[in-house]
Every structure is written in structure tokens, then in C-alpha cells.
Amino acid sequence: MRKFYALLSREVRSFLYSPIAYIVLVFFLLVSGVDFYFQISFMNQRAVQYSVQEAFFNSVFFWFAFVLIFPLITMRLFAEEFKLGTIEPLMTTPVRDWQVVLSKFLGAVVFYLILWIPTILYFIIFERITGKPAATSFGAYWGSYFMLLLIGMFYLSLGCLASVVTKNQIIAAVISFCAITLLFFLGLVQFILLNVSAATRDLLGYFSALEHMGTFSRGIIDTRPIVLYFSMTVLMLVLTHHAFQSRKWRL
């Protein structure tokens, strides 16, 4: 396990020392900050039936930034190693392949969590200035950030799979972006197509990140999305592990 922790520390440091990571951080905080400002401005103009916290986690700007950050985070995980040739000394170290895959995935998860920590200040500052609660309950905060973690882990694992199949970072980013966008908009088909059966609508709703976030942001915990995202994350990591082994033997 000591070697695994060393690998994980290596991946976290690679994120913290990468200029791309800070570009992603600034971009995300800029878009999320503008989104928070516009949501409050809109709510000041008219009476609404939802909280500031619900508005923030269910807006168009939020999901725009959300979908874009995953290709940027994961595109270099394996692709850069294969391109620079640094993957060969990594393979010769006394660690298992699954440890390499898991360390890169968890390193991406750590950086992903770092992105979201500053957003907590949005709600703290709002409540300090206005003296009003930003959410209907404390559980709504937990639900929102827990769902962000679940969806994020799935999308990051998908990005890992895209990065391991190519040594070109741009191609890896395009593959993961297309796959994530397709999955995201799959849940919106039920709102676009009107002539669909109730069973089809329920099935599409089961994959809808928007519905999942809407439910959890109200503090309602549904076990179905938890099982979905956890199982899909494990599946993507297993596929990444097999793809990594396949590429290793071709070197």
C-alpha cells in the first residue's frame, strides 16, 4: 500500500504543478461565480419557489462548465505518459496495473474536489450578507455535493478510459467530451420528444443527471442514482484497466 500511496501522491502533485490545472480552476470558478451572480440577480427581480442553492446547481451555466471540466482534467492522465514515454519506467516499477489506474483516477478525483471547495464560500457569503438561508435545509447541501461527487467520479472514470486508448491529449479530450455530452443529453431526450411512452420516459429519466441533481439538491436521497453512478464508475475503471494492460503489452 505504501507504493500505491506514493503513486497517488505523484498524481496529485502532477495536477498541482500543472498550468493546465490552474487554467481549469480559474475557468471553472469564473463561470460558476458568474452563474451564482446571475441566479441571485434573477431571483431579486421576481418571486420564485426554489432556493438559491437549487438555482445554482440546476442552471444552464452550471452544467456548461460542469461538462467541460472533465475532458480537461483527464485528457493528460494516460495520453501524456504514452506520448512522452514516461509510462515505460512507471510500468517497470513494482506496482500492479490496477494500482496505476486507481492512483490516476483518485488523483483526478482529488483535483475535482479542490475545484468545488471554493463554491462553498458562495453560500457562506450570501448568508452572511443577506441574513437569509441559501438552502431549504442543511441536507440540501449534502445532497447536492454528494451528487456532484457521484456524477464526477463516473465522468472522470470515462475520461480515464478515453485517455488510455490514445497518446494524443486532444483526441482523448474530444472522445471524453463527446461521450459525456451524449450521456448528459440522453437524459434530456424525454423533454424533447413528446410522443414517447411512459416506460421510455422513465428509462431516460433514470439516466438524467439533471433529474438526479434536482432531486438531491432538495435534500431527497434516492438510492437508484447512487447504484447507477457507482456501478458505472467501477465498470469504466475495469475497462480502463484492461485497455491499459492491452497497450502495455504492445509497447
C-alpha atoms as a PDB file:
ATOM      1  CA  MET A   1       0.000   0.000   0.000  1.00  0.00           C
ATOM      2  CA  ARG A   2       2.943   2.328   0.592  1.00  0.00           C
ATOM      3  CA  LYS A   3       3.832   2.151  -3.088  1.00  0.00           C
ATOM      4  CA  PHE A   4       0.218   2.881  -4.006  1.00  0.00           C
ATOM      5  CA  TYR A   5       0.192   5.975  -1.799  1.00  0.00           C
ATOM      6  CA  ALA A   6       3.425   7.079  -3.450  1.00  0.00           C
ATOM      7  CA  LEU A   7       1.765   6.732  -6.863  1.00  0.00           C
ATOM      8  CA  LEU A   8      -1.278   8.662  -5.665  1.00  0.00           C
ATOM      9  CA  SER A   9       0.928  11.421  -4.245  1.00  0.00           C
ATOM     10  CA  ARG A  10       2.730  11.586  -7.594  1.00  0.00           C
ATOM     11  CA  GLU A  11      -0.544  12.061  -9.456  1.00  0.00           C
ATOM     12  CA  VAL A  12      -1.816  14.739  -7.064  1.00  0.00           C
ATOM     13  CA  ARG A  13       1.457  16.651  -7.377  1.00  0.00           C
ATOM     14  CA  SER A  14       1.282  16.414 -11.173  1.00  0.00           C
ATOM     15  CA  PHE A  15      -2.080  18.184 -11.031  1.00  0.00           C
ATOM     16  CA  LEU A  16      -0.953  20.830  -8.572  1.00  0.00           C
ATOM     17  CA  TYR A  17       2.170  21.629 -10.612  1.00  0.00           C
ATOM     18  CA  SER A  18       0.402  21.651 -13.965  1.00  0.00           C
ATOM     19  CA  PRO A  19      -0.502  25.042 -15.522  1.00  0.00           C
ATOM     20  CA  ILE A  20      -3.499  23.422 -17.215  1.00  0.00           C
ATOM     21  CA  ALA A  21      -4.908  22.609 -13.785  1.00  0.00           C
ATOM     22  CA  TYR A  22      -4.870  26.274 -12.777  1.00  0.00           C
ATOM     23  CA  ILE A  23      -6.423  27.289 -16.088  1.00  0.00           C
ATOM     24  CA  VAL A  24      -9.234  24.811 -15.425  1.00  0.00           C
ATOM     25  CA  LEU A  25      -9.590  26.121 -11.864  1.00  0.00           C
ATOM     26  CA  VAL A  26      -9.814  29.765 -12.944  1.00  0.00           C
ATOM     27  CA  PHE A  27     -12.212  28.955 -15.785  1.00  0.00           C
ATOM     28  CA  PHE A  28     -14.486  26.930 -13.544  1.00  0.00           C
ATOM     29  CA  LEU A  29     -14.575  29.462 -10.705  1.00  0.00           C
ATOM     30  CA  LEU A  30     -15.186  32.294 -13.171  1.00  0.00           C
ATOM     31  CA  VAL A  31     -18.129  30.560 -14.842  1.00  0.00           C
ATOM     32  CA  SER A  32     -19.601  29.304 -11.559  1.00  0.00           C
ATOM     33  CA  GLY A  33     -19.192  32.745  -9.955  1.00  0.00           C
ATOM     34  CA  VAL A  34     -20.943  34.473 -12.852  1.00  0.00           C
ATOM     35  CA  ASP A  35     -23.675  31.845 -12.704  1.00  0.00           C
ATOM     36  CA  PHE A  36     -24.192  32.436  -8.965  1.00  0.00           C
ATOM     37  CA  TYR A  37     -24.393  36.197  -9.512  1.00  0.00           C
ATOM     38  CA  PHE A  38     -26.950  35.915 -12.313  1.00  0.00           C
ATOM     39  CA  GLN A  39     -29.080  33.479 -10.339  1.00  0.00           C
ATOM     40  CA  ILE A  40     -29.271  35.902  -7.410  1.00  0.00           C
ATOM     41  CA  SER A  41     -29.999  38.826  -9.750  1.00  0.00           C
ATOM     42  CA  PHE A  42     -32.825  36.884 -11.374  1.00  0.00           C
ATOM     43  CA  MET A  43     -34.305  35.890  -8.022  1.00  0.00           C
ATOM     44  CA  ASN A  44     -34.204  39.526  -6.830  1.00  0.00           C
ATOM     45  CA  GLN A  45     -36.463  40.555  -9.720  1.00  0.00           C
ATOM     46  CA  ARG A  46     -39.305  38.112  -9.091  1.00  0.00           C
ATOM     47  CA  ALA A  47     -40.640  35.658  -6.544  1.00  0.00           C
ATOM     48  CA  VAL A  48     -39.557  32.060  -7.109  1.00  0.00           C
ATOM     49  CA  GLN A  49     -40.402  28.747  -5.487  1.00  0.00           C
ATOM     50  CA  TYR A  50     -36.839  27.447  -5.192  1.00  0.00           C
ATOM     51  CA  SER A  51     -33.786  28.332  -3.108  1.00  0.00           C
ATOM     52  CA  VAL A  52     -30.517  29.952  -4.180  1.00  0.00           C
ATOM     53  CA  GLN A  53     -28.749  26.654  -3.746  1.00  0.00           C
ATOM     54  CA  GLU A  54     -31.234  24.832  -6.011  1.00  0.00           C
ATOM     55  CA  ALA A  55     -30.972  27.576  -8.638  1.00  0.00           C
ATOM     56  CA  PHE A  56     -27.175  27.374  -8.656  1.00  0.00           C
ATOM     57  CA  PHE A  57     -26.962  23.604  -9.071  1.00  0.00           C
ATOM     58  CA  ASN A  58     -29.639  23.406 -11.770  1.00  0.00           C
ATOM     59  CA  SER A  59     -28.780  26.281 -14.109  1.00  0.00           C
ATOM     60  CA  VAL A  60     -27.542  26.177 -17.703  1.00  0.00           C
ATOM     61  CA  PHE A  61     -24.236  27.924 -16.886  1.00  0.00           C
ATOM     62  CA  PHE A  62     -23.552  25.387 -14.156  1.00  0.00           C
ATOM     63  CA  TRP A  63     -23.960  22.390 -16.454  1.00  0.00           C
ATOM     64  CA  PHE A  64     -21.987  24.091 -19.244  1.00  0.00           C
ATOM     65  CA  ALA A  65     -18.930  24.417 -17.016  1.00  0.00           C
ATOM     66  CA  PHE A  66     -19.585  21.028 -15.448  1.00  0.00           C
ATOM     67  CA  VAL A  67     -19.448  19.068 -18.711  1.00  0.00           C
ATOM     68  CA  LEU A  68     -16.345  20.890 -19.973  1.00  0.00           C
ATOM     69  CA  ILE A  69     -14.055  20.337 -17.000  1.00  0.00           C
ATOM     70  CA  PHE A  70     -13.832  16.546 -17.238  1.00  0.00           C
ATOM     71  CA  PRO A  71     -12.051  16.304 -20.626  1.00  0.00           C
ATOM     72  CA  LEU A  72      -9.612  18.984 -19.438  1.00  0.00           C
ATOM     73  CA  ILE A  73      -8.866  17.123 -16.211  1.00  0.00           C
ATOM     74  CA  THR A  74      -8.473  13.631 -17.659  1.00  0.00           C
ATOM     75  CA  MET A  75      -7.036  14.159 -21.142  1.00  0.00           C
ATOM     76  CA  ARG A  76      -3.421  14.009 -19.972  1.00  0.00           C
ATOM     77  CA  LEU A  77      -3.673  11.191 -17.407  1.00  0.00           C
ATOM     78  CA  PHE A  78      -2.509   8.356 -19.656  1.00  0.00           C
ATOM     79  CA  ALA A  79      -2.141  10.035 -23.057  1.00  0.00           C
ATOM     80  CA  GLU A  80       0.723  12.262 -21.943  1.00  0.00           C
ATOM     81  CA  GLU A  81       2.531   9.341 -20.306  1.00  0.00           C
ATOM     82  CA  PHE A  82       2.335   7.298 -23.525  1.00  0.00           C
ATOM     83  CA  LYS A  83       3.385  10.260 -25.669  1.00  0.00           C
ATOM     84  CA  LEU A  84       6.402  11.234 -23.570  1.00  0.00           C
ATOM     85  CA  GLY A  85       7.424   7.647 -22.916  1.00  0.00           C
ATOM     86  CA  THR A  86       7.257   8.076 -19.136  1.00  0.00           C
ATOM     87  CA  ILE A  87       4.778   5.223 -18.966  1.00  0.00           C
ATOM     88  CA  GLU A  88       7.602   2.673 -19.524  1.00  0.00           C
ATOM     89  CA  PRO A  89       9.528   3.385 -16.293  1.00  0.00           C
ATOM     90  CA  LEU A  90       6.189   3.500 -14.496  1.00  0.00           C
ATOM     91  CA  MET A  91       5.396   0.005 -15.780  1.00  0.00           C
ATOM     92  CA  THR A  92       8.736  -1.341 -14.620  1.00  0.00           C
ATOM     93  CA  THR A  93       8.148  -0.239 -11.022  1.00  0.00           C
ATOM     94  CA  PRO A  94       6.968  -2.972  -8.602  1.00  0.00           C
ATOM     95  CA  VAL A  95       3.316  -1.911  -8.674  1.00  0.00           C
ATOM     96  CA  ARG A  96       0.292  -3.579 -10.167  1.00  0.00           C
ATOM     97  CA  ASP A  97      -1.592  -2.241 -13.148  1.00  0.00           C
ATOM     98  CA  TRP A  98      -4.765  -1.687 -11.149  1.00  0.00           C
ATOM     99  CA  GLN A  99      -2.784   0.465  -8.716  1.00  0.00           C
ATOM    100  CA  VAL A 100      -1.596   2.666 -11.574  1.00  0.00           C
ATOM    101  CA  VAL A 101      -5.146   3.063 -12.901  1.00  0.00           C
ATOM    102  CA  LEU A 102      -6.640   3.686  -9.476  1.00  0.00           C
ATOM    103  CA  SER A 103      -3.966   6.203  -8.480  1.00  0.00           C
ATOM    104  CA  LYS A 104      -4.535   8.254 -11.623  1.00  0.00           C
ATOM    105  CA  PHE A 105      -8.295   8.131 -11.130  1.00  0.00           C
ATOM    106  CA  LEU A 106      -8.109   9.138  -7.456  1.00  0.00           C
ATOM    107  CA  GLY A 107      -5.630  11.895  -8.300  1.00  0.00           C
ATOM    108  CA  ALA A 108      -8.201  13.312 -10.719  1.00  0.00           C
ATOM    109  CA  VAL A 109     -10.908  12.964  -8.051  1.00  0.00           C
ATOM    110  CA  VAL A 110      -8.803  14.916  -5.541  1.00  0.00           C
ATOM    111  CA  PHE A 111      -8.322  17.771  -8.006  1.00  0.00           C
ATOM    112  CA  TYR A 112     -12.017  17.633  -8.886  1.00  0.00           C
ATOM    113  CA  LEU A 113     -12.891  18.086  -5.208  1.00  0.00           C
ATOM    114  CA  ILE A 114     -10.473  21.020  -4.977  1.00  0.00           C
ATOM    115  CA  LEU A 115     -12.466  22.724  -7.740  1.00  0.00           C
ATOM    116  CA  TRP A 116     -15.658  22.574  -5.694  1.00  0.00           C
ATOM    117  CA  ILE A 117     -14.337  23.640  -2.290  1.00  0.00           C
ATOM    118  CA  PRO A 118     -14.355  27.399  -3.114  1.00  0.00           C
ATOM    119  CA  THR A 119     -18.017  27.227  -4.195  1.00  0.00           C
ATOM    120  CA  ILE A 120     -18.989  26.626  -0.570  1.00  0.00           C
ATOM    121  CA  LEU A 121     -17.905  30.212   0.087  1.00  0.00           C
ATOM    122  CA  TYR A 122     -20.612  31.447  -2.289  1.00  0.00           C
ATOM    123  CA  PHE A 123     -23.334  30.274   0.069  1.00  0.00           C
ATOM    124  CA  ILE A 124     -21.492  31.354   3.228  1.00  0.00           C
ATOM    125  CA  ILE A 125     -21.005  34.887   1.884  1.00  0.00           C
ATOM    126  CA  PHE A 126     -24.612  35.060   0.705  1.00  0.00           C
ATOM    127  CA  GLU A 127     -25.963  34.080   4.117  1.00  0.00           C
ATOM    128  CA  ARG A 128     -23.606  36.466   5.928  1.00  0.00           C
ATOM    129  CA  ILE A 129     -24.613  39.447   3.759  1.00  0.00           C
ATOM    130  CA  THR A 130     -28.353  38.809   3.454  1.00  0.00           C
ATOM    131  CA  GLY A 131     -29.002  37.028   6.730  1.00  0.00           C
ATOM    132  CA  LYS A 132     -31.186  34.559   4.815  1.00  0.00           C
ATOM    133  CA  PRO A 133     -30.603  30.848   4.231  1.00  0.00           C
ATOM    134  CA  ALA A 134     -29.360  29.886   0.781  1.00  0.00           C
ATOM    135  CA  ALA A 135     -30.905  26.409   1.036  1.00  0.00           C
ATOM    136  CA  THR A 136     -34.095  24.967   2.457  1.00  0.00           C
ATOM    137  CA  SER A 137     -32.137  22.623   4.733  1.00  0.00           C
ATOM    138  CA  PHE A 138     -28.619  21.527   5.570  1.00  0.00           C
ATOM    139  CA  GLY A 139     -29.379  18.201   3.918  1.00  0.00           C
ATOM    140  CA  ALA A 140     -29.842  20.007   0.601  1.00  0.00           C
ATOM    141  CA  TYR A 141     -26.163  20.994   0.678  1.00  0.00           C
ATOM    142  CA  TRP A 142     -25.084  17.454   1.449  1.00  0.00           C
ATOM    143  CA  GLY A 143     -27.335  16.074  -1.290  1.00  0.00           C
ATOM    144  CA  SER A 144     -26.035  18.484  -3.937  1.00  0.00           C
ATOM    145  CA  TYR A 145     -22.353  17.934  -3.239  1.00  0.00           C
ATOM    146  CA  PHE A 146     -22.820  14.195  -2.832  1.00  0.00           C
ATOM    147  CA  MET A 147     -24.454  14.019  -6.255  1.00  0.00           C
ATOM    148  CA  LEU A 148     -21.627  16.129  -7.692  1.00  0.00           C
ATOM    149  CA  LEU A 149     -19.183  13.571  -6.328  1.00  0.00           C
ATOM    150  CA  LEU A 150     -21.090  10.612  -7.792  1.00  0.00           C
ATOM    151  CA  ILE A 151     -21.535  12.125 -11.258  1.00  0.00           C
ATOM    152  CA  GLY A 152     -17.991  13.465 -11.203  1.00  0.00           C
ATOM    153  CA  MET A 153     -16.489  10.088 -10.381  1.00  0.00           C
ATOM    154  CA  PHE A 154     -18.367   8.486 -13.266  1.00  0.00           C
ATOM    155  CA  TYR A 155     -17.362  11.161 -15.774  1.00  0.00           C
ATOM    156  CA  LEU A 156     -13.750  11.098 -14.558  1.00  0.00           C
ATOM    157  CA  SER A 157     -13.610   7.325 -14.989  1.00  0.00           C
ATOM    158  CA  LEU A 158     -14.983   7.782 -18.505  1.00  0.00           C
ATOM    159  CA  GLY A 159     -12.254  10.345 -19.160  1.00  0.00           C
ATOM    160  CA  CYS A 160      -9.640   7.893 -17.886  1.00  0.00           C
ATOM    161  CA  LEU A 161     -10.851   5.312 -20.403  1.00  0.00           C
ATOM    162  CA  ALA A 162     -10.676   7.878 -23.216  1.00  0.00           C
ATOM    163  CA  SER A 163      -7.145   8.883 -22.207  1.00  0.00           C
ATOM    164  CA  VAL A 164      -5.790   5.335 -22.070  1.00  0.00           C
ATOM    165  CA  VAL A 165      -6.792   4.444 -25.647  1.00  0.00           C
ATOM    166  CA  THR A 166      -4.700   7.187 -27.298  1.00  0.00           C
ATOM    167  CA  LYS A 167      -1.460   9.074 -26.794  1.00  0.00           C
ATOM    168  CA  ASN A 168      -2.895  12.315 -28.166  1.00  0.00           C
ATOM    169  CA  GLN A 169      -4.341  14.545 -25.446  1.00  0.00           C
ATOM    170  CA  ILE A 170      -6.627  16.424 -27.834  1.00  0.00           C
ATOM    171  CA  ILE A 171      -8.124  13.205 -29.170  1.00  0.00           C
ATOM    172  CA  ALA A 172      -8.614  11.965 -25.605  1.00  0.00           C
ATOM    173  CA  ALA A 173     -10.375  15.212 -24.699  1.00  0.00           C
ATOM    174  CA  VAL A 174     -12.640  15.024 -27.769  1.00  0.00           C
ATOM    175  CA  ILE A 175     -13.562  11.382 -27.081  1.00  0.00           C
ATOM    176  CA  SER A 176     -14.430  12.038 -23.438  1.00  0.00           C
ATOM    177  CA  PHE A 177     -16.295  15.258 -24.258  1.00  0.00           C
ATOM    178  CA  CYS A 178     -18.433  13.541 -26.903  1.00  0.00           C
ATOM    179  CA  ALA A 179     -19.169  10.582 -24.638  1.00  0.00           C
ATOM    180  CA  ILE A 180     -20.042  12.746 -21.624  1.00  0.00           C
ATOM    181  CA  THR A 181     -22.168  15.119 -23.717  1.00  0.00           C
ATOM    182  CA  LEU A 182     -24.019  12.172 -25.271  1.00  0.00           C
ATOM    183  CA  LEU A 183     -24.761  10.694 -21.856  1.00  0.00           C
ATOM    184  CA  PHE A 184     -25.800  14.059 -20.476  1.00  0.00           C
ATOM    185  CA  PHE A 185     -28.194  14.860 -23.312  1.00  0.00           C
ATOM    186  CA  LEU A 186     -29.583  11.322 -23.248  1.00  0.00           C
ATOM    187  CA  GLY A 187     -31.477  12.348 -20.145  1.00  0.00           C
ATOM    188  CA  LEU A 188     -32.883  15.402 -21.935  1.00  0.00           C
ATOM    189  CA  VAL A 189     -34.471  13.386 -24.740  1.00  0.00           C
ATOM    190  CA  GLN A 190     -37.575  12.867 -22.608  1.00  0.00           C
ATOM    191  CA  PHE A 191     -38.134  16.637 -22.625  1.00  0.00           C
ATOM    192  CA  ILE A 192     -37.531  16.963 -26.381  1.00  0.00           C
ATOM    193  CA  LEU A 193     -39.521  14.010 -27.680  1.00  0.00           C
ATOM    194  CA  LEU A 194     -43.168  14.320 -26.720  1.00  0.00           C
ATOM    195  CA  ASN A 195     -44.519  11.153 -28.323  1.00  0.00           C
ATOM    196  CA  VAL A 196     -42.742   8.615 -26.141  1.00  0.00           C
ATOM    197  CA  SER A 197     -44.217   6.006 -23.858  1.00  0.00           C
ATOM    198  CA  ALA A 198     -44.216   6.365 -20.096  1.00  0.00           C
ATOM    199  CA  ALA A 199     -41.804   3.432 -19.760  1.00  0.00           C
ATOM    200  CA  THR A 200     -39.353   5.037 -22.185  1.00  0.00           C
ATOM    201  CA  ARG A 201     -39.651   8.358 -20.396  1.00  0.00           C
ATOM    202  CA  ASP A 202     -38.944   6.690 -17.047  1.00  0.00           C
ATOM    203  CA  LEU A 203     -35.953   4.847 -18.511  1.00  0.00           C
ATOM    204  CA  LEU A 204     -34.472   8.049 -19.932  1.00  0.00           C
ATOM    205  CA  GLY A 205     -35.162   9.825 -16.665  1.00  0.00           C
ATOM    206  CA  TYR A 206     -33.155   7.142 -14.873  1.00  0.00           C
ATOM    207  CA  PHE A 207     -30.056   8.352 -16.765  1.00  0.00           C
ATOM    208  CA  SER A 208     -30.823  12.071 -16.433  1.00  0.00           C
ATOM    209  CA  ALA A 209     -28.164  13.928 -14.451  1.00  0.00           C
ATOM    210  CA  LEU A 210     -30.491  16.929 -14.359  1.00  0.00           C
ATOM    211  CA  GLU A 211     -33.224  14.977 -12.593  1.00  0.00           C
ATOM    212  CA  HIS A 212     -30.746  13.410 -10.208  1.00  0.00           C
ATOM    213  CA  MET A 213     -29.305  16.780  -9.256  1.00  0.00           C
ATOM    214  CA  GLY A 214     -32.774  18.284  -8.947  1.00  0.00           C
ATOM    215  CA  THR A 215     -33.780  15.526  -6.533  1.00  0.00           C
ATOM    216  CA  PHE A 216     -30.638  15.576  -4.402  1.00  0.00           C
ATOM    217  CA  SER A 217     -30.445  19.392  -4.329  1.00  0.00           C
ATOM    218  CA  ARG A 218     -33.779  19.353  -2.492  1.00  0.00           C
ATOM    219  CA  GLY A 219     -32.297  17.063   0.148  1.00  0.00           C
ATOM    220  CA  ILE A 220     -34.090  13.950  -1.154  1.00  0.00           C
ATOM    221  CA  ILE A 221     -31.830  10.885  -1.268  1.00  0.00           C
ATOM    222  CA  ASP A 222     -32.644   8.324  -3.953  1.00  0.00           C
ATOM    223  CA  THR A 223     -30.591   5.113  -3.959  1.00  0.00           C
ATOM    224  CA  ARG A 224     -31.066   4.431  -7.682  1.00  0.00           C
ATOM    225  CA  PRO A 225     -28.669   7.142  -8.936  1.00  0.00           C
ATOM    226  CA  ILE A 226     -26.165   6.072  -6.266  1.00  0.00           C
ATOM    227  CA  VAL A 227     -26.177   2.498  -7.582  1.00  0.00           C
ATOM    228  CA  LEU A 228     -26.091   3.714 -11.198  1.00  0.00           C
ATOM    229  CA  TYR A 229     -23.087   6.036 -10.895  1.00  0.00           C
ATOM    230  CA  PHE A 230     -21.129   3.793  -8.558  1.00  0.00           C
ATOM    231  CA  SER A 231     -21.565   0.713 -10.773  1.00  0.00           C
ATOM    232  CA  MET A 232     -20.792   2.677 -13.964  1.00  0.00           C
ATOM    233  CA  THR A 233     -17.667   4.122 -12.363  1.00  0.00           C
ATOM    234  CA  VAL A 234     -16.452   0.636 -11.456  1.00  0.00           C
ATOM    235  CA  LEU A 235     -17.233  -0.596 -14.984  1.00  0.00           C
ATOM    236  CA  MET A 236     -15.280   2.252 -16.610  1.00  0.00           C
ATOM    237  CA  LEU A 237     -12.290   1.635 -14.327  1.00  0.00           C
ATOM    238  CA  VAL A 238     -12.335  -2.080 -15.150  1.00  0.00           C
ATOM    239  CA  LEU A 239     -12.373  -1.255 -18.873  1.00  0.00           C
ATOM    240  CA  THR A 240      -9.568   1.261 -18.335  1.00  0.00           C
ATOM    241  CA  HIS A 241      -7.541  -1.418 -16.548  1.00  0.00           C
ATOM    242  CA  HIS A 242      -7.980  -3.874 -19.412  1.00  0.00           C
ATOM    243  CA  ALA A 243      -7.171  -1.211 -22.019  1.00  0.00           C
ATOM    244  CA  PHE A 244      -4.063  -0.232 -20.056  1.00  0.00           C
ATOM    245  CA  GLN A 245      -2.885  -3.841 -19.918  1.00  0.00           C
ATOM    246  CA  SER A 246      -3.505  -4.237 -23.641  1.00  0.00           C
ATOM    247  CA  ARG A 247      -1.470  -1.163 -24.516  1.00  0.00           C
ATOM    248  CA  LYS A 248       1.297  -2.175 -22.116  1.00  0.00           C
ATOM    249  CA  TRP A 249       1.891  -5.458 -23.890  1.00  0.00           C
ATOM    250  CA  ARG A 250       2.083  -3.679 -27.260  1.00  0.00           C
ATOM    251  CA  LEU A 251       4.893  -1.394 -26.156  1.00  0.00           C
END
